């Protein structure tokens, strides 16, 4: 049987390696390339804090605005404030695609070099978000040359400044075929050789925003083939709410992260990514928290509900498009982990120590419980003191329970 199943065993290990052992950011912030400079991250942080100061002056004020449960309002509020001071943006994407548009080559060349220099300045100062990178135009025929040129200029500038980090990632927009992923790998190999970058170090995300990425002409989904074609470079599948919905004929008023076509697409994405170590990221809402207090609170409530909905579905990342969305992003995220912490911790302690939590948890469920707590720890919703008090394990023990490989 070992001989008969050897090939299947090898394929399973190769295609489904499991958790990569790295933190998944709770969001990706998109900033158009022409609006990005070395001050942008600080400006977003200041604007996010100002929005919270104006429209959520205290824990009681925010609790009333966002219907927060009384037993979690204070701790969520305090942790969100601390997050906006310490790490307001977890993942930054400088956008040369829809957020930037089509411009003369000379103009985009200048923007690519200028944005890369600004990001290099942040990296060297130690103030860049832990994950950061750019979104390039698609490899469809009309835009592929421009996308590759921008990528080449941007990476070359970062590499020359010694500012390429492990947190650098590229987003490839509007993917429609496995062949485009194969081409992207060739491009990245060439860029690495050109600038003396370590082979295989440049990673990218696939933007899932076309029908062709979900269903191929043969009636199957090409996403598993795309991940395989990435040759270990694909780190994420990012859902594009509005391009995808529009492509399926959904009227603009009904395009949303919670539309049935969106749920179907994300179900397929989750299935394709399961066990591969590739992260799945939800899209965005275009209802922005701007205007008077009533409008801001309404937008925050919508955003909070949508973020919680994604988290419950097992999608732990989404897009944010405006600084005032950061408070509601973190409120929803922290509420999710704070509300579930006590029960998850009790079940884990019982699993580890052999006690009775009222649940009969199997190893896979224990791994999910540990992963839940670990995600909460990484984003700031949970702290290490709580691990010892509630569960009796340290971070390494939690990672082991979550089946996450430890990284040095």
Protein backbone atom coordinates (compact mmCIF):
# COMPACT_ATOMS: atom_id res chain seq x y z
CA UNK A 1 0.00 0.00 0.00
CA UNK A 2 2.89 2.37 0.68
CA UNK A 3 4.12 1.80 -2.86
CA UNK A 4 0.67 2.12 -4.37
CA UNK A 5 -0.07 5.39 -2.54
CA UNK A 6 3.41 6.93 -2.74
CA UNK A 7 2.51 9.30 -5.57
CA UNK A 8 -0.73 10.34 -3.90
CA UNK A 9 1.12 10.88 -0.60
CA UNK A 10 3.70 13.07 -2.31
CA UNK A 11 1.03 15.07 -4.13
CA UNK A 12 -0.90 15.68 -0.91
CA UNK A 13 2.22 16.92 0.86
CA UNK A 14 3.22 19.13 -2.06
CA UNK A 15 -0.15 20.62 -2.93
CA UNK A 16 -1.54 20.96 0.60
CA UNK A 17 1.37 21.88 2.88
CA UNK A 18 -0.91 23.55 5.45
CA UNK A 19 -0.33 26.74 7.43
CA UNK A 20 2.66 28.82 6.29
CA UNK A 21 3.42 29.85 9.86
CA UNK A 22 2.97 33.56 9.22
CA UNK A 23 0.51 36.13 10.48
CA UNK A 24 -2.42 37.04 8.24
CA UNK A 25 -3.22 40.76 8.34
CA UNK A 26 -6.81 41.64 9.23
CA UNK A 27 -7.09 44.00 6.28
CA UNK A 28 -5.41 45.45 3.21
CA UNK A 29 -5.50 49.21 2.82
CA UNK A 30 -5.55 50.49 -0.77
CA UNK A 31 -4.06 53.91 -1.55
CA UNK A 32 -3.90 55.23 -5.15
CA UNK A 33 -0.27 55.59 -6.23
CA UNK A 34 -0.56 59.30 -6.98
CA UNK A 35 -1.78 59.93 -3.42
CA UNK A 36 0.95 57.98 -1.69
CA UNK A 37 4.07 59.43 -0.12
CA UNK A 38 6.14 58.91 3.00
CA UNK A 39 3.55 60.79 5.08
CA UNK A 40 0.54 58.73 3.99
CA UNK A 41 0.61 56.08 6.73
CA UNK A 42 0.87 58.75 9.41
CA UNK A 43 -1.92 60.75 7.81
CA UNK A 44 -4.22 57.72 7.69
CA UNK A 45 -3.51 57.06 11.36
CA UNK A 46 -4.22 60.67 12.33
CA UNK A 47 -7.45 60.76 10.30
CA UNK A 48 -8.61 57.46 11.79
CA UNK A 49 -7.99 58.73 15.33
CA UNK A 50 -9.70 62.03 14.49
CA UNK A 51 -12.78 60.16 13.22
CA UNK A 52 -12.90 58.15 16.44
CA UNK A 53 -12.45 61.30 18.54
CA UNK A 54 -15.26 63.06 16.74
CA UNK A 55 -17.79 60.27 16.31
CA UNK A 56 -16.87 57.88 19.15
CA UNK A 57 -15.63 60.15 21.89
CA UNK A 58 -15.86 57.52 24.65
CA UNK A 59 -16.61 53.85 25.11
CA UNK A 60 -20.22 54.71 25.91
CA UNK A 61 -20.52 56.92 22.83
CA UNK A 62 -19.06 54.25 20.56
CA UNK A 63 -21.07 51.48 22.21
CA UNK A 64 -24.31 53.32 21.51
CA UNK A 65 -23.30 54.11 17.93
CA UNK A 66 -22.27 50.54 17.08
CA UNK A 67 -24.48 48.52 19.40
CA UNK A 68 -21.55 47.09 21.35
CA UNK A 69 -22.37 44.75 24.25
CA UNK A 70 -21.76 46.42 27.59
CA UNK A 71 -19.43 43.69 28.87
CA UNK A 72 -16.98 44.24 26.00
CA UNK A 73 -17.39 47.94 25.18
CA UNK A 74 -14.59 49.27 27.39
CA UNK A 75 -11.93 46.71 26.49
CA UNK A 76 -12.73 46.92 22.77
CA UNK A 77 -12.64 50.72 22.83
CA UNK A 78 -9.32 50.86 24.68
CA UNK A 79 -7.70 48.27 22.43
CA UNK A 80 -8.89 50.00 19.25
CA UNK A 81 -7.43 53.31 20.46
CA UNK A 82 -4.13 51.60 21.24
CA UNK A 83 -4.11 49.89 17.83
CA UNK A 84 -4.62 53.19 15.99
CA UNK A 85 -1.61 54.56 17.85
CA UNK A 86 0.63 51.51 17.54
CA UNK A 87 -0.18 49.86 14.19
CA UNK A 88 -3.06 51.55 12.33
CA UNK A 89 -2.36 49.75 9.04
CA UNK A 90 -1.39 46.08 8.97
CA UNK A 91 -1.15 45.70 5.19
CA UNK A 92 -0.67 48.49 2.64
CA UNK A 93 -1.14 48.23 -1.11
CA UNK A 94 -0.04 51.11 -3.34
CA UNK A 95 -2.50 50.94 -6.21
CA UNK A 96 -1.53 51.34 -9.86
CA UNK A 97 -4.71 49.67 -11.13
CA UNK A 98 -8.31 50.92 -10.83
CA UNK A 99 -7.47 53.36 -8.06
CA UNK A 100 -4.84 54.98 -10.28
CA UNK A 101 -6.26 54.56 -13.77
CA UNK A 102 -4.66 54.78 -17.19
CA UNK A 103 -2.15 57.59 -17.63
CA UNK A 104 0.73 58.43 -19.97
CA UNK A 105 3.73 56.14 -19.54
CA UNK A 106 5.99 58.94 -18.38
CA UNK A 107 3.53 59.82 -15.63
CA UNK A 108 3.16 56.26 -14.36
CA UNK A 109 6.93 55.73 -14.55
CA UNK A 110 7.41 58.76 -12.31
CA UNK A 111 4.66 57.62 -9.94
CA UNK A 112 6.17 54.11 -9.67
CA UNK A 113 9.62 55.44 -8.82
CA UNK A 114 8.28 58.06 -6.42
CA UNK A 115 6.03 55.60 -4.57
CA UNK A 116 8.85 53.07 -4.27
CA UNK A 117 11.18 55.73 -2.84
CA UNK A 118 8.52 56.75 -0.33
CA UNK A 119 7.94 53.13 0.73
CA UNK A 120 11.71 52.61 1.02
CA UNK A 121 11.87 55.64 3.33
CA UNK A 122 9.20 54.11 5.57
CA UNK A 123 10.92 50.71 5.59
CA UNK A 124 14.26 52.22 6.57
CA UNK A 125 12.62 54.32 9.27
CA UNK A 126 10.87 51.25 10.66
CA UNK A 127 7.44 52.86 10.19
CA UNK A 128 6.17 50.85 7.21
CA UNK A 129 3.18 48.57 7.86
CA UNK A 130 4.38 45.00 8.49
CA UNK A 131 2.94 43.98 5.11
CA UNK A 132 3.18 46.29 2.12
CA UNK A 133 3.49 46.31 -1.65
CA UNK A 134 1.75 47.36 -4.83
CA UNK A 135 -1.10 46.34 -7.09
CA UNK A 136 -0.20 46.31 -10.77
CA UNK A 137 -2.42 46.33 -13.82
CA UNK A 138 -3.58 43.00 -15.18
CA UNK A 139 -1.77 40.77 -17.66
CA UNK A 140 -4.61 41.11 -20.15
CA UNK A 141 -3.31 42.24 -23.55
CA UNK A 142 -4.17 45.98 -23.27
CA UNK A 143 -2.43 46.50 -19.91
CA UNK A 144 0.22 43.79 -19.50
CA UNK A 145 3.19 45.83 -20.74
CA UNK A 146 2.31 48.69 -18.45
CA UNK A 147 1.80 46.38 -15.48
CA UNK A 148 5.13 44.63 -15.96
CA UNK A 149 6.97 47.93 -16.49
CA UNK A 150 5.58 49.40 -13.26
CA UNK A 151 6.48 46.24 -11.34
CA UNK A 152 10.01 46.30 -12.73
CA UNK A 153 10.57 49.97 -11.88
CA UNK A 154 9.08 49.64 -8.40
CA UNK A 155 10.99 46.52 -7.36
CA UNK A 156 14.20 47.86 -8.88
CA UNK A 157 13.96 51.04 -6.84
CA UNK A 158 13.19 49.14 -3.62
CA UNK A 159 15.98 46.63 -4.21
CA UNK A 160 18.45 49.41 -4.94
CA UNK A 161 17.56 51.06 -1.66
CA UNK A 162 17.90 47.79 0.27
CA UNK A 163 14.24 48.05 1.25
CA UNK A 164 12.77 44.76 0.03
CA UNK A 165 11.40 42.95 3.09
CA UNK A 166 9.69 39.63 3.84
CA UNK A 167 6.47 41.64 4.12
CA UNK A 168 6.60 42.83 0.50
CA UNK A 169 3.81 41.46 -1.71
CA UNK A 170 2.44 42.18 -5.19
CA UNK A 171 -1.24 42.03 -6.13
CA UNK A 172 -2.06 40.92 -9.67
CA UNK A 173 -5.41 42.32 -10.80
CA UNK A 174 -8.17 40.82 -12.95
CA UNK A 175 -6.67 37.37 -13.45
CA UNK A 176 -8.52 35.34 -16.08
CA UNK A 177 -6.31 32.30 -16.78
CA UNK A 178 -3.73 29.91 -15.40
CA UNK A 179 -1.44 31.04 -18.20
CA UNK A 180 -1.34 34.54 -16.71
CA UNK A 181 -0.05 33.08 -13.45
CA UNK A 182 2.61 31.14 -15.32
CA UNK A 183 3.60 34.37 -17.08
CA UNK A 184 3.72 36.24 -13.77
CA UNK A 185 6.17 33.66 -12.39
CA UNK A 186 8.41 34.17 -15.43
CA UNK A 187 8.27 37.95 -14.90
CA UNK A 188 9.20 37.65 -11.22
CA UNK A 189 12.08 35.30 -12.01
CA UNK A 190 13.42 37.84 -14.50
CA UNK A 191 13.04 40.74 -12.06
CA UNK A 192 14.85 38.77 -9.36
CA UNK A 193 17.76 38.04 -11.69
CA UNK A 194 17.93 41.65 -12.86
CA UNK A 195 18.19 43.15 -9.37
CA UNK A 196 20.01 40.38 -7.55
CA UNK A 197 16.98 39.49 -5.45
CA UNK A 198 16.90 36.03 -3.86
CA UNK A 199 15.26 33.51 -6.17
CA UNK A 200 11.65 32.81 -5.24
CA UNK A 201 11.42 35.65 -2.73
CA UNK A 202 8.97 37.82 -4.68
CA UNK A 203 5.42 36.75 -3.76
CA UNK A 204 2.04 37.77 -5.14
CA UNK A 205 -1.69 37.63 -4.55
CA UNK A 206 -4.28 36.70 -7.14
CA UNK A 207 -7.15 39.16 -7.41
CA UNK A 208 -10.32 37.14 -7.98
CA UNK A 209 -12.64 39.60 -9.68
CA UNK A 210 -13.52 37.99 -13.00
CA UNK A 211 -15.98 35.15 -13.75
CA UNK A 212 -13.15 33.33 -15.56
CA UNK A 213 -11.23 33.02 -12.30
CA UNK A 214 -14.13 31.17 -10.66
CA UNK A 215 -15.38 29.02 -13.54
CA UNK A 216 -13.37 28.00 -16.58
CA UNK A 217 -14.73 27.12 -20.03
CA UNK A 218 -14.51 23.42 -19.15
CA UNK A 219 -16.91 23.87 -16.23
CA UNK A 220 -14.27 23.53 -13.48
CA UNK A 221 -12.67 26.21 -11.35
CA UNK A 222 -9.16 27.23 -12.43
CA UNK A 223 -8.19 28.50 -8.95
CA UNK A 224 -6.37 25.32 -7.81
CA UNK A 225 -4.46 25.35 -11.09
CA UNK A 226 -3.58 29.00 -10.57
CA UNK A 227 -2.22 28.29 -7.10
CA UNK A 228 -0.14 25.40 -8.47
CA UNK A 229 1.09 27.51 -11.38
CA UNK A 230 2.33 30.09 -8.88
CA UNK A 231 5.11 27.67 -7.91
CA UNK A 232 4.99 28.61 -4.24
CA UNK A 233 4.79 32.35 -4.86
CA UNK A 234 1.02 32.79 -4.43
CA UNK A 235 0.21 34.02 -0.92
CA UNK A 236 -3.42 35.09 -1.23
CA UNK A 237 -6.70 35.10 -3.12
CA UNK A 238 -8.35 38.53 -2.87
CA UNK A 239 -11.99 38.96 -3.76
CA UNK A 240 -12.89 42.00 -5.87
CA UNK A 241 -16.43 42.95 -4.86
CA UNK A 242 -17.45 45.37 -7.56
CA UNK A 243 -15.67 44.10 -10.67
CA UNK A 244 -16.92 40.58 -10.03
CA UNK A 245 -20.50 41.59 -9.26
CA UNK A 246 -20.66 43.88 -12.28
CA UNK A 247 -19.28 41.12 -14.52
CA UNK A 248 -22.22 38.94 -13.50
CA UNK A 249 -24.73 41.68 -14.27
CA UNK A 250 -25.59 42.63 -10.71
CA UNK A 251 -27.08 46.14 -10.63
CA UNK A 252 -24.87 48.74 -8.95
CA UNK A 253 -27.28 49.31 -6.07
CA UNK A 254 -27.04 45.62 -5.09
CA UNK A 255 -23.30 45.04 -5.50
CA UNK A 256 -22.08 44.03 -2.07
CA UNK A 257 -19.81 41.70 -0.13
CA UNK A 258 -22.93 39.84 1.03
CA UNK A 259 -24.65 39.39 -2.35
CA UNK A 260 -25.24 35.70 -3.22
CA UNK A 261 -22.81 35.88 -6.16
CA UNK A 262 -20.14 37.15 -3.76
CA UNK A 263 -20.80 34.34 -1.31
CA UNK A 264 -20.54 31.75 -4.08
CA UNK A 265 -17.24 33.15 -5.33
CA UNK A 266 -15.76 33.24 -1.85
CA UNK A 267 -16.96 29.69 -1.14
CA UNK A 268 -15.01 28.54 -4.19
CA UNK A 269 -11.98 30.59 -3.11
CA UNK A 270 -12.01 29.05 0.37
CA UNK A 271 -12.27 25.54 -1.04
CA UNK A 272 -9.43 26.15 -3.49
CA UNK A 273 -7.17 27.65 -0.81
CA UNK A 274 -7.92 25.17 1.99
CA UNK A 275 -4.77 23.39 3.15
CA UNK A 276 -2.50 25.25 0.70
CA UNK A 277 -1.26 27.98 3.03
CA UNK A 278 -2.82 30.60 0.73
CA UNK A 279 -4.83 33.29 2.54
CA UNK A 280 -8.34 34.29 1.46
CA UNK A 281 -9.27 37.97 1.64
CA UNK A 282 -12.75 39.48 1.34
CA UNK A 283 -13.46 42.65 -0.62
CA UNK A 284 -14.56 46.11 0.43
CA UNK A 285 -17.64 48.19 1.00
CA UNK A 286 -17.90 51.44 -0.96
CA UNK A 287 -20.16 53.05 1.67
CA UNK A 288 -17.68 55.40 3.32
CA UNK A 289 -17.96 56.85 6.86
CA UNK A 290 -17.96 60.50 5.80
CA UNK A 291 -20.34 63.40 6.39
CA UNK A 292 -22.30 64.16 9.52
CA UNK A 293 -22.42 62.04 12.66
CA UNK A 294 -25.49 60.09 11.56
CA UNK A 295 -23.92 59.14 8.22
CA UNK A 296 -20.64 58.13 9.81
CA UNK A 297 -22.38 55.95 12.39
CA UNK A 298 -24.54 54.32 9.72
CA UNK A 299 -21.46 53.51 7.61
CA UNK A 300 -19.62 52.20 10.67
CA UNK A 301 -22.54 49.92 11.56
CA UNK A 302 -22.62 48.54 8.03
CA UNK A 303 -18.87 48.01 7.98
CA UNK A 304 -18.90 46.36 11.40
CA UNK A 305 -21.67 43.98 10.32
CA UNK A 306 -19.90 43.06 7.09
CA UNK A 307 -16.55 42.49 8.80
CA UNK A 308 -18.17 40.29 11.45
CA UNK A 309 -20.01 38.40 8.72
CA UNK A 310 -16.71 37.65 6.97
CA UNK A 311 -15.05 36.57 10.21
CA UNK A 312 -17.89 34.19 11.03
CA UNK A 313 -17.51 32.70 7.54
CA UNK A 314 -13.82 32.04 8.21
CA UNK A 315 -12.49 34.90 6.09
CA UNK A 316 -10.13 36.86 8.30
CA UNK A 317 -9.05 39.69 6.02
CA UNK A 318 -10.77 42.38 3.96
CA UNK A 319 -10.10 45.65 2.16
CA UNK A 320 -10.30 49.13 3.67
CA UNK A 321 -10.46 52.13 1.37
CA UNK A 322 -10.74 55.13 3.72
CA UNK A 323 -9.01 56.13 7.00
CA UNK A 324 -12.35 56.39 8.84
CA UNK A 325 -12.97 52.69 8.14
CA UNK A 326 -10.09 51.72 10.42
CA UNK A 327 -12.03 52.28 13.69
CA UNK A 328 -14.95 50.11 12.56
CA UNK A 329 -12.56 47.47 11.15
CA UNK A 330 -10.84 47.08 14.50
CA UNK A 331 -14.02 47.37 16.54
CA UNK A 332 -15.58 44.49 14.62
CA UNK A 333 -12.40 42.41 14.65
CA UNK A 334 -11.71 42.90 18.33
CA UNK A 335 -15.32 42.27 19.28
CA UNK A 336 -15.21 38.97 17.38
CA UNK A 337 -12.17 37.75 19.29
CA UNK A 338 -13.14 39.18 22.68
CA UNK A 339 -16.63 37.64 22.59
CA UNK A 340 -15.25 34.24 21.68
CA UNK A 341 -12.16 34.24 23.89
CA UNK A 342 -13.50 32.82 27.16
CA UNK A 343 -15.29 29.89 25.53
CA UNK A 344 -12.38 29.09 23.20
CA UNK A 345 -9.93 29.27 26.10
CA UNK A 346 -12.04 27.00 28.32
CA UNK A 347 -12.34 24.42 25.56
CA UNK A 348 -8.60 24.55 24.86
CA UNK A 349 -7.70 24.21 28.54
CA UNK A 350 -9.99 21.21 28.83
CA UNK A 351 -8.50 19.70 25.70
CA UNK A 352 -4.93 20.18 26.94
CA UNK A 353 -5.51 19.22 30.58
CA UNK A 354 -8.26 16.66 30.12
CA UNK A 355 -10.99 18.61 31.91
CA UNK A 356 -14.65 19.06 31.04
CA UNK A 357 -15.71 22.10 29.01
CA UNK A 358 -19.09 20.78 27.98
CA UNK A 359 -17.73 20.08 24.46
CA UNK A 360 -16.25 16.92 22.98
CA UNK A 361 -13.49 18.52 20.89
CA UNK A 362 -11.47 16.55 18.38
CA UNK A 363 -7.91 17.49 17.32
CA UNK A 364 -9.11 19.42 14.26
CA UNK A 365 -11.47 21.51 16.38
CA UNK A 366 -8.72 22.11 18.94
CA UNK A 367 -6.51 23.36 16.11
CA UNK A 368 -9.28 25.73 15.00
CA UNK A 369 -9.74 26.98 18.57
CA UNK A 370 -6.01 27.62 18.93
CA UNK A 371 -5.92 29.33 15.55
CA UNK A 372 -8.75 31.59 16.66
CA UNK A 373 -6.91 32.68 19.80
CA UNK A 374 -3.62 33.07 17.92
CA UNK A 375 -5.23 35.36 15.35
CA UNK A 376 -6.68 37.43 18.17
CA UNK A 377 -3.25 37.68 19.75
CA UNK A 378 -1.56 38.76 16.53
CA UNK A 379 -3.96 41.60 15.77
CA UNK A 380 -4.03 42.95 19.34
CA UNK A 381 -7.44 41.74 20.47
CA UNK A 382 -5.84 39.32 22.96
CA UNK A 383 -2.63 39.66 24.99
CA UNK A 384 -0.09 37.08 26.12
CA UNK A 385 -1.02 37.41 29.80
CA UNK A 386 -4.46 36.08 28.96
CA UNK A 387 -2.98 32.98 27.34
CA UNK A 388 -1.37 31.89 30.57
CA UNK A 389 -4.31 32.83 32.75
CA UNK A 390 -7.08 31.36 30.62
CA UNK A 391 -5.42 28.48 28.80
CA UNK A 392 -2.11 27.78 30.52
CA UNK A 393 -0.02 27.80 27.32
CA UNK A 394 2.45 30.21 25.78
CA UNK A 395 2.54 31.45 22.19
CA UNK A 396 4.67 28.51 21.03
CA UNK A 397 2.26 26.06 22.63
CA UNK A 398 -0.67 27.78 21.01
CA UNK A 399 1.02 27.64 17.60
CA UNK A 400 1.66 23.91 18.08
CA UNK A 401 -1.99 23.32 18.93
CA UNK A 402 -2.98 25.35 15.86
CA UNK A 403 -0.69 23.18 13.70
CA UNK A 404 1.20 26.26 12.66
CA UNK A 405 4.92 25.76 12.00
CA UNK A 406 7.16 27.93 14.15
CA UNK A 407 9.35 30.39 12.25
CA UNK A 408 12.66 31.66 13.55
